[in-house]
Amino acid sequence: DHQPLVAGTPVKVSFDLLAVSYVFKAGHTLRVSIT
C-alpha cells in the first residue's frame, strides 16, 4: 500500500482525530492546525 508522494502533486489523506467530548464556551473559536 506504500505510495510515495510526487513533488507538487496533491493527494488526499484521510484520518480521524482522537475522540472528544468538549464544550467550546461562548466567545471562543474552533480552529484546525496542520503541520
Full PDB file with SEQRES, HELIX, SHEET, SSBOND, CRYST1, ORIGX, SCALE, CONECT and MASTER records, all heavy atoms in Angstrom:
SEQRES   1 A   35  ASP HIS GLN PRO LEU VAL ALA GLY THR PRO VAL LYS VAL          
SEQRES   2 A   35  SER PHE ASP LEU LEU ALA VAL SER TYR VAL PHE LYS ALA          
SEQRES   3 A   35  GLY HIS THR LEU ARG VAL SER ILE THR                          
CRYST1    1.000    1.000    1.000  90.00  90.00  90.00 P 1           1          
ORIGX1      1.000000  0.000000  0.000000        0.00000                         
ORIGX2      0.000000  1.000000  0.000000        0.00000                         
ORIGX3      0.000000  0.000000  1.000000        0.00000                         
SCALE1      1.000000  0.000000  0.000000        0.00000                         
SCALE2      0.000000  1.000000  0.000000        0.00000                         
SCALE3      0.000000  0.000000  1.000000        0.00000                         
ATOM      1  N   ASP A   1       0.814  -1.213   0.000  1.00  0.00           N  
ATOM      2  CA  ASP A   1       0.000   0.000   0.000  1.00  0.00           C  
ATOM      3  C   ASP A   1       0.849   1.266   0.000  1.00  0.00           C  
ATOM      4  O   ASP A   1       0.310   2.375  -0.096  1.00  0.00           O  
ATOM      5  CB  ASP A   1      -0.910   0.022   1.230  1.00  0.00           C  
ATOM      6  CG  ASP A   1      -1.901  -1.132   1.230  1.00  0.00           C  
ATOM      7  OD1 ASP A   1      -2.383  -1.481   0.138  1.00  0.00           O  
ATOM      8  OD2 ASP A   1      -2.184  -1.679   2.310  1.00  0.00           O  
ATOM      9  N   HIS A   2       2.141   1.122   0.127  1.00  0.00           N  
ATOM     10  CA  HIS A   2       3.035   2.271   0.218  1.00  0.00           C  
ATOM     11  C   HIS A   2       3.066   3.029  -1.103  1.00  0.00           C  
ATOM     12  O   HIS A   2       3.375   2.464  -2.154  1.00  0.00           O  
ATOM     13  CB  HIS A   2       4.443   1.802   0.595  1.00  0.00           C  
ATOM     14  CG  HIS A   2       5.424   2.913   0.788  1.00  0.00           C  
ATOM     15  ND1 HIS A   2       6.630   2.957   0.116  1.00  0.00           N  
ATOM     16  CD2 HIS A   2       5.385   4.019   1.558  1.00  0.00           C  
ATOM     17  CE1 HIS A   2       7.293   4.036   0.482  1.00  0.00           C  
ATOM     18  NE2 HIS A   2       6.559   4.694   1.348  1.00  0.00           N  
ATOM     19  N   GLN A   3       2.738   4.333  -1.053  1.00  0.00           N  
ATOM     20  CA  GLN A   3       2.691   5.174  -2.245  1.00  0.00           C  
ATOM     21  C   GLN A   3       3.432   6.483  -1.955  1.00  0.00           C  
ATOM     22  O   GLN A   3       2.837   7.438  -1.453  1.00  0.00           O  
ATOM     23  CB  GLN A   3       1.241   5.491  -2.626  1.00  0.00           C  
ATOM     24  CG  GLN A   3       0.404   4.274  -2.989  1.00  0.00           C  
ATOM     25  CD  GLN A   3      -1.061   4.651  -3.166  1.00  0.00           C  
ATOM     26  OE1 GLN A   3      -1.761   4.999  -2.225  1.00  0.00           O  
ATOM     27  NE2 GLN A   3      -1.508   4.602  -4.416  1.00  0.00           N  
ATOM     28  N   PRO A   4       4.728   6.566  -2.266  1.00  0.00           N  
ATOM     29  CA  PRO A   4       5.477   7.803  -2.019  1.00  0.00           C  
ATOM     30  C   PRO A   4       4.852   8.975  -2.775  1.00  0.00           C  
ATOM     31  O   PRO A   4       4.240   8.819  -3.839  1.00  0.00           O  
ATOM     32  CB  PRO A   4       6.881   7.479  -2.541  1.00  0.00           C  
ATOM     33  CG  PRO A   4       6.963   5.988  -2.510  1.00  0.00           C  
ATOM     34  CD  PRO A   4       5.585   5.496  -2.824  1.00  0.00           C  
ATOM     35  N   LEU A   5       5.019  10.160  -2.231  1.00  0.00           N  
ATOM     36  CA  LEU A   5       4.489  11.358  -2.862  1.00  0.00           C  
ATOM     37  C   LEU A   5       5.363  11.792  -4.033  1.00  0.00           C  
ATOM     38  O   LEU A   5       6.575  11.546  -4.055  1.00  0.00           O  
ATOM     39  CB  LEU A   5       4.407  12.496  -1.847  1.00  0.00           C  
ATOM     40  CG  LEU A   5       3.596  12.246  -0.569  1.00  0.00           C  
ATOM     41  CD1 LEU A   5       3.541  13.512   0.276  1.00  0.00           C  
ATOM     42  CD2 LEU A   5       2.187  11.776  -0.904  1.00  0.00           C  
ATOM     43  N   VAL A   6       4.731  12.448  -4.994  1.00  0.00           N  
ATOM     44  CA  VAL A   6       5.434  13.087  -6.109  1.00  0.00           C  
ATOM     45  C   VAL A   6       5.383  14.579  -5.853  1.00  0.00           C  
ATOM     46  O   VAL A   6       4.308  15.153  -5.613  1.00  0.00           O  
ATOM     47  CB  VAL A   6       4.771  12.741  -7.453  1.00  0.00           C  
ATOM     48  CG1 VAL A   6       5.461  13.493  -8.588  1.00  0.00           C  
ATOM     49  CG2 VAL A   6       4.801  11.241  -7.693  1.00  0.00           C  
ATOM     50  N   ALA A   7       6.529  15.225  -5.876  1.00  0.00           N  
ATOM     51  CA  ALA A   7       6.610  16.647  -5.538  1.00  0.00           C  
ATOM     52  C   ALA A   7       5.598  17.466  -6.334  1.00  0.00           C  
ATOM     53  O   ALA A   7       5.522  17.355  -7.566  1.00  0.00           O  
ATOM     54  CB  ALA A   7       8.018  17.163  -5.772  1.00  0.00           C  
ATOM     55  N   GLY A   8       4.810  18.255  -5.606  1.00  0.00           N  
ATOM     56  CA  GLY A   8       3.861  19.153  -6.249  1.00  0.00           C  
ATOM     57  C   GLY A   8       2.537  18.528  -6.622  1.00  0.00           C  
ATOM     58  O   GLY A   8       1.635  19.236  -7.081  1.00  0.00           O  
ATOM     59  N   THR A   9       2.384  17.207  -6.454  1.00  0.00           N  
ATOM     60  CA  THR A   9       1.140  16.528  -6.816  1.00  0.00           C  
ATOM     61  C   THR A   9       0.285  16.311  -5.577  1.00  0.00           C  
ATOM     62  O   THR A   9       0.679  15.567  -4.680  1.00  0.00           O  
ATOM     63  CB  THR A   9       1.417  15.176  -7.484  1.00  0.00           C  
ATOM     64  OG1 THR A   9       2.211  15.383  -8.649  1.00  0.00           O  
ATOM     65  CG2 THR A   9       0.119  14.480  -7.858  1.00  0.00           C  
ATOM     66  N   PRO A  10      -0.899  16.938  -5.492  1.00  0.00           N  
ATOM     67  CA  PRO A  10      -1.734  16.781  -4.307  1.00  0.00           C  
ATOM     68  C   PRO A  10      -2.321  15.366  -4.211  1.00  0.00           C  
ATOM     69  O   PRO A  10      -2.680  14.753  -5.228  1.00  0.00           O  
ATOM     70  CB  PRO A  10      -2.852  17.806  -4.512  1.00  0.00           C  
ATOM     71  CG  PRO A  10      -2.358  18.738  -5.559  1.00  0.00           C  
ATOM     72  CD  PRO A  10      -1.459  17.923  -6.439  1.00  0.00           C  
ATOM     73  N   VAL A  11      -2.417  14.852  -2.985  1.00  0.00           N  
ATOM     74  CA  VAL A  11      -3.057  13.572  -2.707  1.00  0.00           C  
ATOM     75  C   VAL A  11      -3.993  13.765  -1.522  1.00  0.00           C  
ATOM     76  O   VAL A  11      -3.786  14.646  -0.683  1.00  0.00           O  
ATOM     77  CB  VAL A  11      -2.030  12.467  -2.393  1.00  0.00           C  
ATOM     78  CG1 VAL A  11      -1.127  12.207  -3.589  1.00  0.00           C  
ATOM     79  CG2 VAL A  11      -1.216  12.801  -1.153  1.00  0.00           C  
ATOM     80  N   LYS A  12      -5.009  12.931  -1.454  1.00  0.00           N  
ATOM     81  CA  LYS A  12      -5.967  13.014  -0.349  1.00  0.00           C  
ATOM     82  C   LYS A  12      -5.518  12.113   0.781  1.00  0.00           C  
ATOM     83  O   LYS A  12      -5.257  10.925   0.580  1.00  0.00           O  
ATOM     84  CB  LYS A  12      -7.368  12.615  -0.832  1.00  0.00           C  
ATOM     85  CG  LYS A  12      -8.443  12.783   0.237  1.00  0.00           C  
ATOM     86  CD  LYS A  12      -9.812  12.389  -0.300  1.00  0.00           C  
ATOM     87  CE  LYS A  12     -10.893  12.579   0.760  1.00  0.00           C  
ATOM     88  NZ  LYS A  12     -12.231  12.175   0.255  1.00  0.00           N  
ATOM     89  N   VAL A  13      -5.455  12.676   1.981  1.00  0.00           N  
ATOM     90  CA  VAL A  13      -5.070  11.939   3.180  1.00  0.00           C  
ATOM     91  C   VAL A  13      -6.215  12.063   4.184  1.00  0.00           C  
ATOM     92  O   VAL A  13      -6.530  13.176   4.625  1.00  0.00           O  
ATOM     93  CB  VAL A  13      -3.757  12.486   3.787  1.00  0.00           C  
ATOM     94  CG1 VAL A  13      -3.361  11.679   5.013  1.00  0.00           C  
ATOM     95  CG2 VAL A  13      -2.643  12.473   2.744  1.00  0.00           C  
ATOM     96  N   SER A  14      -6.836  10.927   4.515  1.00  0.00           N  
ATOM     97  CA  SER A  14      -7.993  10.918   5.416  1.00  0.00           C  
ATOM     98  C   SER A  14      -7.644  10.170   6.695  1.00  0.00           C  
ATOM     99  O   SER A  14      -7.118   9.054   6.644  1.00  0.00           O  
ATOM    100  CB  SER A  14      -9.198  10.253   4.748  1.00  0.00           C  
ATOM    101  OG  SER A  14      -9.592  10.976   3.591  1.00  0.00           O  
ATOM    102  N   PHE A  15      -7.953  10.775   7.838  1.00  0.00           N  
ATOM    103  CA  PHE A  15      -7.699  10.121   9.122  1.00  0.00           C  
ATOM    104  C   PHE A  15      -8.569  10.773  10.189  1.00  0.00           C  
ATOM    105  O   PHE A  15      -9.028  11.912  10.046  1.00  0.00           O  
ATOM    106  CB  PHE A  15      -6.224  10.220   9.503  1.00  0.00           C  
ATOM    107  CG  PHE A  15      -5.650  11.617   9.511  1.00  0.00           C  
ATOM    108  CD1 PHE A  15      -5.598  12.375  10.667  1.00  0.00           C  
ATOM    109  CD2 PHE A  15      -5.154  12.180   8.331  1.00  0.00           C  
ATOM    110  CE1 PHE A  15      -5.068  13.646  10.670  1.00  0.00           C  
ATOM    111  CE2 PHE A  15      -4.615  13.463   8.328  1.00  0.00           C  
ATOM    112  CZ  PHE A  15      -4.577  14.205   9.500  1.00  0.00           C  
ATOM    113  N   ASP A  16      -8.803  10.027  11.263  1.00  0.00           N  
ATOM    114  CA  ASP A  16      -9.589  10.555  12.363  1.00  0.00           C  
ATOM    115  C   ASP A  16      -8.700  11.239  13.379  1.00  0.00           C  
ATOM    116  O   ASP A  16      -7.518  10.918  13.515  1.00  0.00           O  
ATOM    117  CB  ASP A  16     -10.400   9.442  13.037  1.00  0.00           C  
ATOM    118  CG  ASP A  16      -9.524   8.381  13.660  1.00  0.00           C  
ATOM    119  OD1 ASP A  16      -8.677   7.812  12.938  1.00  0.00           O  
ATOM    120  OD2 ASP A  16      -9.658   8.121  14.871  1.00  0.00           O  
ATOM    121  N   LEU A  17      -9.267  12.212  14.063  1.00  0.00           N  
ATOM    122  CA  LEU A  17      -8.644  12.787  15.236  1.00  0.00           C  
ATOM    123  C   LEU A  17      -9.184  12.038  16.454  1.00  0.00           C  
ATOM    124  O   LEU A  17     -10.274  11.456  16.401  1.00  0.00           O  
ATOM    125  CB  LEU A  17      -8.952  14.278  15.348  1.00  0.00           C  
ATOM    126  CG  LEU A  17      -8.115  15.229  14.472  1.00  0.00           C  
ATOM    127  CD1 LEU A  17      -8.333  14.968  12.989  1.00  0.00           C  
ATOM    128  CD2 LEU A  17      -8.449  16.688  14.797  1.00  0.00           C  
ATOM    129  N   LEU A  18      -8.434  12.018  17.527  1.00  0.00           N  
ATOM    130  CA  LEU A  18      -8.857  11.286  18.711  1.00  0.00           C  
ATOM    131  C   LEU A  18     -10.219  11.777  19.198  1.00  0.00           C  
ATOM    132  O   LEU A  18     -10.561  12.960  19.093  1.00  0.00           O  
ATOM    133  CB  LEU A  18      -7.824  11.432  19.823  1.00  0.00           C  
ATOM    134  CG  LEU A  18      -6.477  10.749  19.565  1.00  0.00           C  
ATOM    135  CD1 LEU A  18      -5.487  11.106  20.667  1.00  0.00           C  
ATOM    136  CD2 LEU A  18      -6.638   9.238  19.468  1.00  0.00           C  
ATOM    137  N   ALA A  19     -11.015  10.855  19.751  1.00  0.00           N  
ATOM    138  CA  ALA A  19     -12.367  11.162  20.195  1.00  0.00           C  
ATOM    139  C   ALA A  19     -12.368  12.274  21.245  1.00  0.00           C  
ATOM    140  O   ALA A  19     -11.417  12.429  22.021  1.00  0.00           O  
ATOM    141  CB  ALA A  19     -13.023   9.905  20.755  1.00  0.00           C  
ATOM    142  N   VAL A  20     -13.462  13.040  21.273  1.00  0.00           N  
ATOM    143  CA  VAL A  20     -13.568  14.180  22.183  1.00  0.00           C  
ATOM    144  C   VAL A  20     -14.969  14.270  22.771  1.00  0.00           C  
ATOM    145  O   VAL A  20     -15.938  13.762  22.207  1.00  0.00           O  
ATOM    146  CB  VAL A  20     -13.254  15.515  21.462  1.00  0.00           C  
ATOM    147  CG1 VAL A  20     -11.832  15.547  20.975  1.00  0.00           C  
ATOM    148  CG2 VAL A  20     -14.217  15.750  20.300  1.00  0.00           C  
ATOM    149  N   SER A  21     -15.069  14.952  23.903  1.00  0.00           N  
ATOM    150  CA  SER A  21     -16.337  15.474  24.408  1.00  0.00           C  
ATOM    151  C   SER A  21     -15.995  16.775  25.126  1.00  0.00           C  
ATOM    152  O   SER A  21     -15.444  16.760  26.239  1.00  0.00           O  
ATOM    153  CB  SER A  21     -17.035  14.483  25.346  1.00  0.00           C  
ATOM    154  OG  SER A  21     -18.326  14.975  25.680  1.00  0.00           O  
ATOM    155  N   TYR A  22     -16.320  17.883  24.489  1.00  0.00           N  
ATOM    156  CA  TYR A  22     -15.774  19.183  24.910  1.00  0.00           C  
ATOM    157  C   TYR A  22     -16.767  20.283  24.565  1.00  0.00           C  
ATOM    158  O   TYR A  22     -17.386  20.259  23.494  1.00  0.00           O  
ATOM    159  CB  TYR A  22     -14.450  19.416  24.183  1.00  0.00           C  
ATOM    160  CG  TYR A  22     -13.698  20.663  24.572  1.00  0.00           C  
ATOM    161  CD1 TYR A  22     -12.745  20.624  25.585  1.00  0.00           C  
ATOM    162  CD2 TYR A  22     -13.913  21.866  23.911  1.00  0.00           C  
ATOM    163  CE1 TYR A  22     -12.034  21.774  25.939  1.00  0.00           C  
ATOM    164  CE2 TYR A  22     -13.210  23.013  24.253  1.00  0.00           C  
ATOM    165  CZ  TYR A  22     -12.264  22.956  25.267  1.00  0.00           C  
ATOM    166  OH  TYR A  22     -11.564  24.082  25.618  1.00  0.00           O  
ATOM    167  N   VAL A  23     -16.889  21.233  25.459  1.00  0.00           N  
ATOM    168  CA  VAL A  23     -17.741  22.393  25.210  1.00  0.00           C  
ATOM    169  C   VAL A  23     -16.869  23.617  24.929  1.00  0.00           C  
ATOM    170  O   VAL A  23     -16.046  24.009  25.763  1.00  0.00           O  
ATOM    171  CB  VAL A  23     -18.669  22.670  26.406  1.00  0.00           C  
ATOM    172  CG1 VAL A  23     -19.424  23.988  26.195  1.00  0.00           C  
ATOM    173  CG2 VAL A  23     -19.656  21.527  26.596  1.00  0.00           C  
ATOM    174  N   PHE A  24     -17.048  24.200  23.727  1.00  0.00           N  
ATOM    175  CA  PHE A  24     -16.439  25.489  23.405  1.00  0.00           C  
ATOM    176  C   PHE A  24     -17.312  26.576  24.024  1.00  0.00           C  
ATOM    177  O   PHE A  24     -18.506  26.671  23.723  1.00  0.00           O  
ATOM    178  CB  PHE A  24     -16.358  25.686  21.890  1.00  0.00           C  
ATOM    179  CG  PHE A  24     -15.325  24.837  21.204  1.00  0.00           C  
ATOM    180  CD1 PHE A  24     -15.603  23.519  20.861  1.00  0.00           C  
ATOM    181  CD2 PHE A  24     -14.079  25.353  20.894  1.00  0.00           C  
ATOM    182  CE1 PHE A  24     -14.647  22.733  20.226  1.00  0.00           C  
ATOM    183  CE2 PHE A  24     -13.119  24.584  20.253  1.00  0.00           C  
ATOM    184  CZ  PHE A  24     -13.397  23.267  19.920  1.00  0.00           C  
ATOM    185  N   LYS A  25     -16.739  27.370  24.875  1.00  0.00           N  
ATOM    186  CA  LYS A  25     -17.510  28.406  25.547  1.00  0.00           C  
ATOM    187  C   LYS A  25     -17.814  29.553  24.581  1.00  0.00           C  
ATOM    188  O   LYS A  25     -17.109  29.775  23.590  1.00  0.00           O  
ATOM    189  CB  LYS A  25     -16.749  28.941  26.764  1.00  0.00           C  
ATOM    190  CG  LYS A  25     -16.290  27.863  27.743  1.00  0.00           C  
ATOM    191  CD  LYS A  25     -17.452  27.072  28.331  1.00  0.00           C  
ATOM    192  CE  LYS A  25     -18.205  27.836  29.367  1.00  0.00           C  
ATOM    193  NZ  LYS A  25     -19.235  26.996  30.045  1.00  0.00           N  
ATOM    194  N   ALA A  26     -18.884  30.266  24.864  1.00  0.00           N  
ATOM    195  CA  ALA A  26     -19.248  31.427  24.048  1.00  0.00           C  
ATOM    196  C   ALA A  26     -18.071  32.390  23.960  1.00  0.00           C  
ATOM    197  O   ALA A  26     -17.385  32.658  24.951  1.00  0.00           O  
ATOM    198  CB  ALA A  26     -20.464  32.121  24.651  1.00  0.00           C  
ATOM    199  N   GLY A  27     -17.820  32.907  22.758  1.00  0.00           N  
ATOM    200  CA  GLY A  27     -16.701  33.801  22.543  1.00  0.00           C  
ATOM    201  C   GLY A  27     -15.422  33.103  22.128  1.00  0.00           C  
ATOM    202  O   GLY A  27     -14.455  33.761  21.754  1.00  0.00           O  
ATOM    203  N   HIS A  28     -15.413  31.777  22.192  1.00  0.00           N  
ATOM    204  CA  HIS A  28     -14.240  31.001  21.784  1.00  0.00           C  
ATOM    205  C   HIS A  28     -14.380  30.570  20.328  1.00  0.00           C  
ATOM    206  O   HIS A  28     -15.482  30.497  19.776  1.00  0.00           O  
ATOM    207  CB  HIS A  28     -14.068  29.775  22.684  1.00  0.00           C  
ATOM    208  CG  HIS A  28     -13.593  30.110  24.065  1.00  0.00           C  
ATOM    209  ND1 HIS A  28     -12.517  29.491  24.654  1.00  0.00           N  
ATOM    210  CD2 HIS A  28     -14.040  31.015  24.982  1.00  0.00           C  
ATOM    211  CE1 HIS A  28     -12.328  29.992  25.864  1.00  0.00           C  
ATOM    212  NE2 HIS A  28     -13.254  30.907  26.095  1.00  0.00           N  
ATOM    213  N   THR A  29     -13.259  30.239  19.721  1.00  0.00           N  
ATOM    214  CA  THR A  29     -13.222  29.893  18.303  1.00  0.00           C  
ATOM    215  C   THR A  29     -12.654  28.493  18.115  1.00  0.00           C  
ATOM    216  O   THR A  29     -11.640  28.131  18.731  1.00  0.00           O  
ATOM    217  CB  THR A  29     -12.351  30.894  17.526  1.00  0.00           C  
ATOM    218  OG1 THR A  29     -12.878  32.213  17.695  1.00  0.00           O  
ATOM    219  CG2 THR A  29     -12.305  30.550  16.038  1.00  0.00           C  
ATOM    220  N   LEU A  30     -13.306  27.713  17.278  1.00  0.00           N  
ATOM    221  CA  LEU A  30     -12.789  26.400  16.878  1.00  0.00           C  
ATOM    222  C   LEU A  30     -11.786  26.609  15.756  1.00  0.00           C  
ATOM    223  O   LEU A  30     -12.070  27.320  14.789  1.00  0.00           O  
ATOM    224  CB  LEU A  30     -13.931  25.502  16.435  1.00  0.00           C  
ATOM    225  CG  LEU A  30     -13.602  24.077  15.970  1.00  0.00           C  
ATOM    226  CD1 LEU A  30     -14.786  23.152  16.241  1.00  0.00           C  
ATOM    227  CD2 LEU A  30     -13.260  24.021  14.471  1.00  0.00           C  
ATOM    228  N   ARG A  31     -10.625  25.990  15.887  1.00  0.00           N  
ATOM    229  CA  ARG A  31      -9.584  26.132  14.869  1.00  0.00           C  
ATOM    230  C   ARG A  31      -8.949  24.782  14.585  1.00  0.00           C  
ATOM    231  O   ARG A  31      -8.860  23.926  15.472  1.00  0.00           O  
ATOM    232  CB  ARG A  31      -8.516  27.124  15.340  1.00  0.00           C  
ATOM    233  CG  ARG A  31      -7.505  27.478  14.261  1.00  0.00           C  
ATOM    234  CD  ARG A  31      -6.590  28.599  14.702  1.00  0.00           C  
ATOM    235  NE  ARG A  31      -5.567  28.142  15.641  1.00  0.00           N  
ATOM    236  CZ  ARG A  31      -4.635  28.933  16.168  1.00  0.00           C  
ATOM    237  NH1 ARG A  31      -4.622  30.223  15.875  1.00  0.00           N  
ATOM    238  NH2 ARG A  31      -3.743  28.449  17.000  1.00  0.00           N  
ATOM    239  N   VAL A  32      -8.509  24.599  13.359  1.00  0.00           N  
ATOM    240  CA  VAL A  32      -7.766  23.413  12.952  1.00  0.00           C  
ATOM    241  C   VAL A  32      -6.394  23.860  12.469  1.00  0.00           C  
ATOM    242  O   VAL A  32      -6.286  24.804  11.662  1.00  0.00           O  
ATOM    243  CB  VAL A  32      -8.496  22.629  11.848  1.00  0.00           C  
ATOM    244  CG1 VAL A  32      -7.624  21.485  11.326  1.00  0.00           C  
ATOM    245  CG2 VAL A  32      -9.822  22.078  12.371  1.00  0.00           C  
ATOM    246  N   SER A  33      -5.351  23.198  12.986  1.00  0.00           N  
ATOM    247  CA  SER A  33      -3.983  23.487  12.547  1.00  0.00           C  
ATOM    248  C   SER A  33      -3.371  22.228  11.966  1.00  0.00           C  
ATOM    249  O   SER A  33      -3.614  21.114  12.461  1.00  0.00           O  
ATOM    250  CB  SER A  33      -3.137  23.994  13.717  1.00  0.00           C  
ATOM    251  OG  SER A  33      -3.589  25.251  14.172  1.00  0.00           O  
ATOM    252  N   ILE A  34      -2.554  22.401  10.926  1.00  0.00           N  
ATOM    253  CA  ILE A  34      -1.959  21.274  10.205  1.00  0.00           C  
ATOM    254  C   ILE A  34      -0.457  21.506  10.110  1.00  0.00           C  
ATOM    255  O   ILE A  34      -0.015  22.591   9.721  1.00  0.00           O  
ATOM    256  CB  ILE A  34      -2.576  21.150   8.800  1.00  0.00           C  
ATOM    257  CG1 ILE A  34      -4.100  20.966   8.906  1.00  0.00           C  
ATOM    258  CG2 ILE A  34      -1.946  19.982   8.035  1.00  0.00           C  
ATOM    259  CD1 ILE A  34      -4.850  21.394   7.679  1.00  0.00           C  
ATOM    260  N   THR A  35       0.324  20.493  10.484  1.00  0.00           N  
ATOM    261  CA  THR A  35       1.778  20.609  10.465  1.00  0.00           C  
ATOM    262  C   THR A  35       2.398  19.333   9.893  1.00  0.00           C  
ATOM    263  O   THR A  35       1.708  18.343   9.648  1.00  0.00           O  
ATOM    264  CB  THR A  35       2.354  20.833  11.881  1.00  0.00           C  
ATOM    265  OG1 THR A  35       2.231  19.620  12.625  1.00  0.00           O  
ATOM    266  CG2 THR A  35       1.631  21.927  12.614  1.00  0.00           C  
TER     267      THR A  35                                                      
MASTER        0    0    0    0    0    0    0    6  266    1    0    3          
END                                                                             
